[in-house]
Amino acid sequence: MVVSIRYWDREPWIGYLRNDVLPLFESTLTVLGLWRELREVAHGRLLSDVVKGIPSLELVFVGGTSPPDRYEEGSLALIYKYLLGTSIKLREYYFLKQHGKEPKTPCTAERTRVVDYIDHIHTLLERVVARALELGLLTQDDIQKIQESSVETIRETIARPERISEIFVELLNRALGITVAYNEYTRFVWHLRKIPKKYIAELYPELLKPEVFEFVQRFLGLSEYIVPQVEDPEIRDLYTIYSFDHATEALVYYHDRTTGLAHGRIDGLDGIVIGEYLAGKLPPSHELYKTVGGCLCRVNELIWGLFRFGDYLRLVATGEVPDPLEEWKKMVKSGPPTLWKLNYPSSYEDLSILDEQLPAVLTGRAELVVEVGGRALYVFRRW
């Protein structure tokens, strides 16, 4: 499970950004741009008016349908409906066509949960790209090429709506390829999201070199998170935990002993079932993470959540839709955490109890989060 990448070297990270992050960024940019274009040209307008300007868009709303209001399995209109939220009243459309009339039926282009997920992923990747530009790991030319390619793909898809399957399959493949189960760079970032110094020494010893730590700190945003309040300086150092700005502060309003689910607030997002959020469920508003490490950890979780829409994704996929969270579960060896709430470590007994939870935290089976006020630690289970 430990990665073999040259995490101390700048060049491999440039490769990761260009080969993994930017392609997914382009795919999310394209799908969001396509949805916005469809909404702008069609939402609230009569189909008859829409197709006068862009005849090809009739396929978006009726491709693969039949009277009076049937969507054939795998039809183009069904793909657009479930993934991008486009629809018309098919019965009205076919009634008017039967009588030789123009299809004066209103179009809709509403946000779907799939669009919401892609929007959240894109926003976080945008922050990653911005930081990479600041550090000179990417160039403006890299971004311009992505933007130009996206605009061209949107234009081509409006002209040939059947391209939607190809675009979504590409997005899903790129998303899958950047998750912790399939990508060693993302796995490295995931391991660092809550890591004690003793694990750094065991798993990633090069990170103990000041120049390597400084690079990772500047690029990924790693910083001290939990410092044990014990007298022995060696033990205090070994159990100092580092983190990004991902899942750093929570307050539980209610903990269900039967299900183990905690309801409350995490990272400023209120009204959250915290375990579900950490396994990829969308919050009511955009995540606030700013560091590259924090954004990439959340992107990984959101991709887990996106692939739960398997019934919709099967419309464009061939064969079984993979589940990247289930794949990661198969790969990790850690057992579940034994407690859900701990004291902030201020004694060796506290540290011993915390130490028992750390294997589950490393793999992501659980998430270690400081309670608002800093007096306790939560250990939230993902599974």
Protein backbone atom coordinates (compact mmCIF):
# COMPACT_ATOMS: atom_id res chain seq x y z
CA MET A 1 0.00 0.00 0.00
CA VAL A 2 3.01 2.32 0.45
CA VAL A 3 3.80 4.20 -2.76
CA SER A 4 7.06 4.00 -4.70
CA ILE A 5 6.94 7.44 -6.31
CA ARG A 6 9.70 10.04 -6.05
CA TYR A 7 7.62 12.29 -3.82
CA TRP A 8 10.69 14.40 -3.01
CA ASP A 9 11.23 15.31 -6.66
CA ARG A 10 9.50 18.22 -8.37
CA GLU A 11 9.41 16.72 -11.89
CA PRO A 12 7.19 13.68 -11.13
CA TRP A 13 4.65 16.01 -9.52
CA ILE A 14 4.60 18.08 -12.70
CA GLY A 15 3.87 14.84 -14.55
CA TYR A 16 1.03 14.02 -12.13
CA LEU A 17 -0.48 17.45 -12.62
CA ARG A 18 -0.25 17.29 -16.41
CA ASN A 19 -1.17 13.63 -16.89
CA ASP A 20 -3.82 13.13 -14.19
CA VAL A 21 -5.09 16.40 -12.73
CA LEU A 22 -5.33 18.51 -15.89
CA PRO A 23 -7.18 15.89 -18.00
CA LEU A 24 -9.85 15.53 -15.30
CA PHE A 25 -9.98 19.30 -14.96
CA GLU A 26 -10.60 19.52 -18.72
CA SER A 27 -13.36 16.90 -18.58
CA THR A 28 -15.18 18.66 -15.75
CA LEU A 29 -14.77 22.00 -17.51
CA THR A 30 -16.27 20.51 -20.68
CA VAL A 31 -19.27 18.85 -19.06
CA LEU A 32 -20.09 21.95 -17.01
CA GLY A 33 -19.66 24.14 -20.08
CA LEU A 34 -21.94 21.88 -22.10
CA TRP A 35 -24.62 21.94 -19.40
CA ARG A 36 -24.44 25.76 -19.18
CA GLU A 37 -24.68 26.05 -22.97
CA LEU A 38 -27.76 23.83 -23.07
CA ARG A 39 -29.37 25.76 -20.28
CA GLU A 40 -28.63 29.09 -21.95
CA VAL A 41 -29.97 28.14 -25.38
CA ALA A 42 -32.88 25.88 -24.36
CA HIS A 43 -34.13 26.27 -20.80
CA GLY A 44 -37.57 27.86 -20.70
CA ARG A 45 -37.78 28.16 -24.48
CA LEU A 46 -40.04 26.28 -26.89
CA LEU A 47 -38.35 23.40 -28.67
CA SER A 48 -39.62 24.77 -31.96
CA ASP A 49 -37.65 27.97 -31.39
CA VAL A 50 -34.55 26.15 -30.16
CA VAL A 51 -34.27 23.89 -33.23
CA LYS A 52 -34.74 26.81 -35.62
CA GLY A 53 -31.41 28.14 -34.34
CA ILE A 54 -29.66 24.81 -33.70
CA PRO A 55 -31.47 21.91 -35.45
CA SER A 56 -29.16 19.27 -33.94
CA LEU A 57 -30.50 19.96 -30.43
CA GLU A 58 -33.76 18.18 -31.22
CA LEU A 59 -31.82 14.95 -30.67
CA VAL A 60 -30.96 16.02 -27.14
CA PHE A 61 -34.64 16.05 -26.21
CA VAL A 62 -36.16 13.32 -28.41
CA GLY A 63 -33.32 11.11 -29.70
CA GLY A 64 -34.28 7.46 -29.14
CA THR A 65 -37.82 8.19 -27.93
CA SER A 66 -41.13 7.01 -29.35
CA PRO A 67 -44.84 7.96 -29.07
CA PRO A 68 -46.57 8.71 -26.92
CA ASP A 69 -43.87 9.39 -24.27
CA ARG A 70 -41.43 6.48 -24.22
CA TYR A 71 -37.68 6.73 -23.66
CA GLU A 72 -36.05 3.67 -25.21
CA GLU A 73 -33.40 1.95 -23.10
CA GLY A 74 -30.06 3.69 -23.56
CA SER A 75 -31.60 6.38 -25.75
CA LEU A 76 -29.72 9.63 -26.34
CA ALA A 77 -32.52 11.72 -24.83
CA LEU A 78 -32.46 9.53 -21.71
CA ILE A 79 -28.71 10.02 -21.32
CA TYR A 80 -29.11 13.78 -21.51
CA LYS A 81 -32.11 13.72 -19.19
CA TYR A 82 -30.43 11.79 -16.36
CA LEU A 83 -26.93 13.21 -16.68
CA LEU A 84 -27.54 16.82 -17.76
CA GLY A 85 -31.19 17.36 -16.78
CA THR A 86 -32.66 18.14 -20.20
CA SER A 87 -36.25 17.19 -20.99
CA ILE A 88 -39.51 18.12 -22.69
CA LYS A 89 -43.08 16.82 -22.43
CA LEU A 90 -42.76 13.98 -24.91
CA ARG A 91 -46.48 13.34 -25.09
CA GLU A 92 -47.04 16.97 -26.09
CA TYR A 93 -44.22 16.80 -28.63
CA TYR A 94 -45.57 13.70 -30.38
CA PHE A 95 -49.16 14.95 -30.30
CA LEU A 96 -48.14 18.15 -32.09
CA LYS A 97 -45.96 16.27 -34.58
CA GLN A 98 -48.84 13.89 -35.30
CA HIS A 99 -50.95 16.86 -36.35
CA GLY A 100 -48.21 18.37 -38.47
CA LYS A 101 -47.57 21.22 -36.05
CA GLU A 102 -44.34 22.74 -34.79
CA PRO A 103 -43.17 21.22 -31.49
CA LYS A 104 -44.12 24.19 -29.33
CA THR A 105 -43.35 22.43 -26.08
CA PRO A 106 -41.13 24.00 -23.41
CA CYS A 107 -37.60 22.74 -22.78
CA THR A 108 -35.96 22.36 -19.40
CA ALA A 109 -32.30 22.00 -18.48
CA GLU A 110 -32.09 21.50 -14.73
CA ARG A 111 -29.09 20.71 -12.54
CA THR A 112 -28.75 17.03 -11.73
CA ARG A 113 -26.85 15.43 -8.85
CA VAL A 114 -24.29 14.29 -11.41
CA VAL A 115 -23.78 17.92 -12.52
CA ASP A 116 -23.52 18.95 -8.86
CA TYR A 117 -20.78 16.40 -8.22
CA ILE A 118 -18.86 17.48 -11.31
CA ASP A 119 -19.21 21.12 -10.27
CA HIS A 120 -17.77 20.42 -6.80
CA ILE A 121 -14.89 18.39 -8.26
CA HIS A 122 -14.14 21.11 -10.81
CA THR A 123 -14.10 23.88 -8.19
CA LEU A 124 -11.57 21.98 -6.08
CA LEU A 125 -9.39 21.12 -9.08
CA GLU A 126 -9.47 24.78 -10.08
CA ARG A 127 -7.81 25.61 -6.75
CA VAL A 128 -5.21 22.88 -7.28
CA VAL A 129 -4.39 24.26 -10.72
CA ALA A 130 -4.18 27.83 -9.41
CA ARG A 131 -1.68 26.82 -6.71
CA ALA A 132 0.36 24.80 -9.22
CA LEU A 133 0.54 27.90 -11.43
CA GLU A 134 1.73 30.00 -8.48
CA LEU A 135 4.54 27.53 -7.81
CA GLY A 136 5.52 27.20 -11.47
CA LEU A 137 4.52 23.54 -11.67
CA LEU A 138 2.10 24.37 -14.49
CA THR A 139 2.16 27.14 -17.07
CA GLN A 140 -0.49 29.44 -18.50
CA ASP A 141 0.09 27.68 -21.82
CA ASP A 142 -0.98 24.39 -20.19
CA ILE A 143 -4.24 25.99 -19.06
CA GLN A 144 -4.91 27.78 -22.33
CA LYS A 145 -4.65 24.52 -24.26
CA ILE A 146 -7.16 22.92 -21.89
CA GLN A 147 -9.59 25.81 -22.24
CA GLU A 148 -9.35 25.87 -26.04
CA SER A 149 -9.82 22.11 -26.27
CA SER A 150 -12.86 22.28 -23.98
CA VAL A 151 -14.52 25.03 -26.03
CA GLU A 152 -13.99 23.02 -29.22
CA THR A 153 -15.42 19.85 -27.67
CA ILE A 154 -18.53 21.71 -26.50
CA ARG A 155 -19.01 23.18 -29.97
CA GLU A 156 -18.68 19.75 -31.59
CA THR A 157 -21.09 18.16 -29.12
CA ILE A 158 -23.75 20.78 -29.72
CA ALA A 159 -23.43 19.98 -33.43
CA ARG A 160 -23.32 16.20 -32.80
CA PRO A 161 -25.14 15.47 -29.52
CA GLU A 162 -24.34 11.75 -29.70
CA ARG A 163 -20.79 12.64 -28.58
CA ILE A 164 -22.09 12.92 -25.01
CA SER A 165 -21.37 9.25 -24.27
CA GLU A 166 -17.76 9.60 -25.36
CA ILE A 167 -17.33 12.72 -23.22
CA PHE A 168 -18.77 11.11 -20.10
CA VAL A 169 -16.83 7.88 -20.52
CA GLU A 170 -13.64 9.94 -20.79
CA LEU A 171 -14.54 11.88 -17.65
CA LEU A 172 -15.30 8.70 -15.70
CA ASN A 173 -12.05 7.03 -16.78
CA ARG A 174 -10.05 10.09 -15.80
CA ALA A 175 -11.86 10.38 -12.47
CA LEU A 176 -11.32 6.71 -11.71
CA GLY A 177 -7.64 7.00 -12.57
CA ILE A 178 -6.99 9.76 -10.05
CA THR A 179 -8.54 8.00 -7.04
CA VAL A 180 -6.54 6.56 -4.18
CA ALA A 181 -7.01 2.95 -5.31
CA TYR A 182 -5.50 3.58 -8.74
CA ASN A 183 -3.09 6.51 -8.43
CA GLU A 184 0.08 6.44 -6.31
CA TYR A 185 0.39 10.22 -6.14
CA THR A 186 -3.14 10.58 -4.83
CA ARG A 187 -2.45 7.71 -2.41
CA PHE A 188 0.60 9.53 -1.09
CA VAL A 189 -1.51 12.66 -0.54
CA TRP A 190 -4.22 10.56 1.12
CA HIS A 191 -1.72 9.00 3.54
CA LEU A 192 -0.47 12.45 4.56
CA ARG A 193 -3.91 13.86 5.35
CA LYS A 194 -3.60 12.74 9.03
CA ILE A 195 -0.16 11.26 9.61
CA PRO A 196 1.95 11.08 12.78
CA LYS A 197 5.66 11.68 12.46
CA LYS A 198 6.38 8.06 13.41
CA TYR A 199 4.49 6.91 10.28
CA ILE A 200 6.39 9.43 8.18
CA ALA A 201 9.63 7.91 9.45
CA GLU A 202 8.44 4.38 8.68
CA LEU A 203 6.70 4.94 5.34
CA TYR A 204 8.18 8.09 3.79
CA PRO A 205 11.57 8.73 5.44
CA GLU A 206 12.74 11.14 2.73
CA LEU A 207 10.05 13.50 4.00
CA LEU A 208 12.07 14.00 7.18
CA LYS A 209 14.69 15.88 5.18
CA PRO A 210 14.06 19.61 5.70
CA GLU A 211 14.20 20.51 1.99
CA VAL A 212 11.76 17.71 1.05
CA PHE A 213 9.36 18.60 3.84
CA GLU A 214 9.50 22.26 2.82
CA PHE A 215 8.60 21.39 -0.78
CA VAL A 216 5.69 19.14 0.26
CA GLN A 217 4.55 21.73 2.77
CA ARG A 218 4.56 24.54 0.18
CA PHE A 219 2.95 22.47 -2.57
CA LEU A 220 0.44 20.30 -0.71
CA GLY A 221 -0.15 22.51 2.34
CA LEU A 222 0.97 20.04 5.03
CA SER A 223 1.20 21.48 8.54
CA GLU A 224 1.18 20.50 12.20
CA TYR A 225 -2.30 19.52 13.34
CA ILE A 226 -2.21 17.68 16.68
CA VAL A 227 0.68 18.15 19.10
CA PRO A 228 0.47 15.87 22.16
CA GLN A 229 0.68 17.68 25.47
CA VAL A 230 3.12 15.28 27.13
CA GLU A 231 6.48 15.90 28.79
CA ASP A 232 8.76 13.53 26.88
CA PRO A 233 10.00 15.45 23.80
CA GLU A 234 10.79 12.30 21.79
CA ILE A 235 7.31 10.82 22.26
CA ARG A 236 5.71 14.20 21.66
CA ASP A 237 7.62 14.47 18.37
CA LEU A 238 6.78 10.90 17.27
CA TYR A 239 3.05 11.43 17.80
CA THR A 240 2.79 14.94 16.39
CA ILE A 241 0.20 14.59 13.62
CA TYR A 242 0.33 16.52 10.36
CA SER A 243 -2.62 17.37 8.14
CA PHE A 244 -3.98 19.51 5.34
CA ASP A 245 -7.07 21.70 5.76
CA HIS A 246 -9.32 18.71 5.04
CA ALA A 247 -11.61 17.43 7.82
CA THR A 248 -9.86 19.39 10.56
CA GLU A 249 -12.67 20.56 12.85
CA ALA A 250 -16.06 19.11 13.76
CA LEU A 251 -18.81 19.32 16.31
CA VAL A 252 -21.20 16.41 16.82
CA TYR A 253 -24.78 17.28 17.75
CA TYR A 254 -25.99 13.70 17.91
CA HIS A 255 -24.29 10.31 17.73
CA ASP A 256 -26.47 7.33 16.85
CA ARG A 257 -25.14 4.37 18.83
CA THR A 258 -27.04 1.89 16.65
CA THR A 259 -25.73 3.02 13.27
CA GLY A 260 -22.56 4.71 14.49
CA LEU A 261 -23.43 7.79 12.43
CA ALA A 262 -22.62 11.23 13.78
CA HIS A 263 -24.75 14.24 12.86
CA GLY A 264 -23.31 17.72 13.12
CA ARG A 265 -20.86 20.17 11.60
CA ILE A 266 -17.53 19.61 9.88
CA ASP A 267 -15.19 22.19 8.36
CA GLY A 268 -17.88 24.87 8.63
CA LEU A 269 -20.50 22.77 6.81
CA ASP A 270 -23.59 22.34 8.99
CA GLY A 271 -26.36 19.73 9.06
CA ILE A 272 -24.04 16.94 7.92
CA VAL A 273 -24.07 13.19 8.49
CA ILE A 274 -20.33 13.25 8.92
CA GLY A 275 -19.42 9.67 8.00
CA GLU A 276 -21.47 9.92 4.81
CA TYR A 277 -19.85 13.25 3.94
CA LEU A 278 -16.38 11.75 4.37
CA ALA A 279 -17.35 8.86 2.08
CA GLY A 280 -18.30 11.27 -0.71
CA LYS A 281 -21.79 12.62 -0.08
CA LEU A 282 -22.34 16.17 -1.30
CA PRO A 283 -22.70 18.93 1.29
CA PRO A 284 -25.32 21.70 0.90
CA SER A 285 -22.66 24.19 -0.25
CA HIS A 286 -19.19 24.14 -1.77
CA GLU A 287 -16.29 22.88 0.31
CA LEU A 288 -13.92 25.51 1.68
CA TYR A 289 -10.60 23.66 1.25
CA LYS A 290 -7.75 25.74 -0.16
CA THR A 291 -4.61 23.60 0.06
CA VAL A 292 -3.67 21.28 -2.78
CA GLY A 293 -3.63 18.32 -0.39
CA GLY A 294 -7.00 19.16 1.12
CA CYS A 295 -8.60 19.68 -2.30
CA LEU A 296 -7.22 16.41 -3.70
CA CYS A 297 -8.42 14.44 -0.67
CA ARG A 298 -11.91 15.84 -1.11
CA VAL A 299 -11.83 15.22 -4.87
CA ASN A 300 -11.08 11.58 -4.10
CA GLU A 301 -14.10 11.40 -1.77
CA LEU A 302 -16.36 13.13 -4.28
CA ILE A 303 -15.37 10.68 -7.01
CA TRP A 304 -16.33 7.87 -4.62
CA GLY A 305 -19.72 9.58 -4.33
CA LEU A 306 -20.09 10.17 -8.08
CA PHE A 307 -19.62 6.48 -8.88
CA ARG A 308 -22.53 5.61 -6.59
CA PHE A 309 -24.80 6.83 -9.40
CA GLY A 310 -24.15 3.56 -11.19
CA ASP A 311 -27.63 3.30 -12.68
CA TYR A 312 -27.16 6.62 -14.47
CA LEU A 313 -23.53 5.99 -15.41
CA ARG A 314 -24.45 2.66 -17.02
CA LEU A 315 -26.26 4.68 -19.69
CA VAL A 316 -22.86 5.61 -21.14
CA ALA A 317 -20.57 2.87 -19.81
CA THR A 318 -19.99 -0.50 -21.41
CA GLY A 319 -19.96 -3.33 -18.90
CA GLU A 320 -20.08 -3.01 -15.13
CA VAL A 321 -19.49 0.42 -13.61
CA PRO A 322 -16.57 0.17 -11.15
CA ASP A 323 -16.82 1.33 -7.55
CA PRO A 324 -13.52 2.99 -6.56
CA LEU A 325 -14.42 3.07 -2.86
CA GLU A 326 -15.06 -0.69 -2.84
CA GLU A 327 -11.78 -1.22 -4.67
CA TRP A 328 -9.95 0.76 -2.00
CA LYS A 329 -11.66 -1.23 0.77
CA LYS A 330 -10.31 -4.42 -0.79
CA MET A 331 -6.79 -3.02 -0.81
CA VAL A 332 -6.52 -1.82 2.79
CA LYS A 333 -5.66 -4.11 5.68
CA SER A 334 -6.58 -1.99 8.70
CA GLY A 335 -9.33 -2.97 11.09
CA PRO A 336 -12.04 -0.55 12.21
CA PRO A 337 -11.45 2.06 14.92
CA THR A 338 -12.39 0.92 18.42
CA LEU A 339 -13.69 4.28 19.70
CA TRP A 340 -15.46 7.26 18.16
CA LYS A 341 -14.34 9.95 20.61
CA LEU A 342 -11.03 10.40 22.45
CA ASN A 343 -9.42 12.89 24.76
CA TYR A 344 -7.03 15.36 23.17
CA PRO A 345 -3.71 13.61 23.94
CA SER A 346 -2.43 15.10 27.18
CA SER A 347 -1.19 11.90 28.83
CA TYR A 348 0.62 8.71 27.78
CA GLU A 349 -2.62 6.80 28.32
CA ASP A 350 -4.35 9.12 25.84
CA LEU A 351 -1.55 8.53 23.36
CA SER A 352 -1.79 4.77 23.76
CA ILE A 353 -5.51 4.89 22.95
CA LEU A 354 -4.89 7.21 20.02
CA ASP A 355 -2.13 4.91 18.74
CA GLU A 356 -4.65 2.07 18.42
CA GLN A 357 -6.81 4.15 16.06
CA LEU A 358 -4.01 5.34 13.77
CA PRO A 359 -3.88 2.35 11.35
CA ALA A 360 -7.55 2.91 10.46
CA VAL A 361 -6.87 6.63 10.04
CA LEU A 362 -3.90 6.06 7.72
CA THR A 363 -5.94 4.03 5.23
CA GLY A 364 -9.01 6.25 5.48
CA ARG A 365 -11.26 3.67 7.06
CA ALA A 366 -11.64 6.36 9.71
CA GLU A 367 -10.98 10.09 9.90
CA LEU A 368 -9.39 11.80 12.90
CA VAL A 369 -10.90 15.24 13.51
CA VAL A 370 -10.38 17.71 16.34
CA GLU A 371 -13.53 18.76 18.19
CA VAL A 372 -14.40 22.46 18.01
CA GLY A 373 -12.66 23.98 21.03
CA GLY A 374 -9.80 21.48 20.89
CA ARG A 375 -10.65 19.45 23.97
CA ALA A 376 -11.34 16.12 22.25
CA LEU A 377 -10.79 14.12 19.07
CA TYR A 378 -13.41 12.38 16.96
CA VAL A 379 -12.74 9.19 15.02
CA PHE A 380 -15.38 9.10 12.28
CA ARG A 381 -15.84 5.82 10.41
CA ARG A 382 -16.20 5.79 6.64
CA TRP A 383 -16.95 2.07 6.66
